Amino acid sequence: MLTLTAEKKAAMDRLSTKEGVISALAIDQRGALKKMILALGVEPTEKAIEHFKELVSKELTPYASSILLDPEYGLPAARARHEEAGLLLAYEKTGYDASTPGRLPDLLADWSVLRLKEQGADAIKFLLYYDVDEDPEINHQKHVFIERLGSECAEEDMPFYLELVSYDAQNIDSNSIEYAKIKPHKVNEMMKEFSKEQYKVDVLKVEVPVNMNFVEGFTTGETAYSKEEAAQYFLEQSNATELPFIFLSAGVSSELFQQTLFFAKEAGSTFNGVLCGRATWKNGVKPFVESGESATQEWLANEGRKNIESLNEVLAQTATSWHEKVRVIEETVSK
């Protein structure tokens, strides 16, 4: 069970619904968003990226419990969010150095947990790429790094959301059936690792443990798992941690993500919400690039809102309250 100070509990409350479900909107994408704009034949500018995030925040945070942004392009969007929406700020550099083995983590050089807190953050989010089967020396570096980061968050009494993204160090394509077969092992074992007390993580943001495109009944093509096998992996994932945990959408369609949440619930998963990004807003990039602000606002107010409200309806039927996984302690001041 997670132990929280009263201050951390208050911050966690600001990030979730009153029922204790995290229904968060993620638009901390930087490199990925640039690529989406570039794919439409337009060179992405800093101003354009900031403005798109700002429009998403203004139009969609009335329907989300919180929003995840980056301090590089997202601070105007943070100020534009609905007054009742909590704020998570990302602390990692976007991407990784592909020339160095291990996808090693790195922090934004101009920021600290204290400085992010001063910008109004209710929690810190950090993304870590992790392969449980990689060289132990590389994983040791990652363990020490997250210990430092967890201690920094604890010192500022800030909730620490750790986003874990699995991969294979031997470069098996993460979208392939070969990777699908080993994904449950990689996802569930890394959840066990970073649930240990030394990392001081408060919420895990994780992938679902299977590739739903290879689950029996969800595809007309080749399968990697039967429905029963996939359900067992979801249950094993839930049992791998006592911490609150939420699912990331990983760029899949809104429809498939919602079907996945129902499947997780039926399998016995006690996940506590989502941080949903591109599945909610990605189709708004095209009107933004091609038609401008008014068209983007119209798309967000209609399709974007539908995406997030339909997801909220699914969460109401599937997610578990994180309140059941925590205890609150009152800190005493020594004299």
Foldseek 3Di string as FASTA:
>chain_A
DAEAAPLLVVLQPLQPDVQQFHQEAEDQDDVVLQVLLVVVVDHDDLVLSLVLLLLLQQQALVLGSAYEHEPSRDLNNVVNHDPSHAYEYEFWDPFADPVDAQSATDGDPVDAPVRVVVSRHQAYEYEDEDFPPDDVVSVVNVVVVLLVNLVRCVVVSHAYEYEYDYDDSVPDPCPDLVVQLCQLVRFQVVLLVCQDPSSNHQEYEYAQSGDQCQEPPSHPDHHNYYLVRSLVSLVSSQVSHLHAYAYEPVQDALVVSLVVLVSSQVSPHQHRYYHYYCNQQVVLSVCCSPPNDVSSSVCCNPRSNVSSVVRVVSCVVGHHRSVVRYDYDHDDDDD
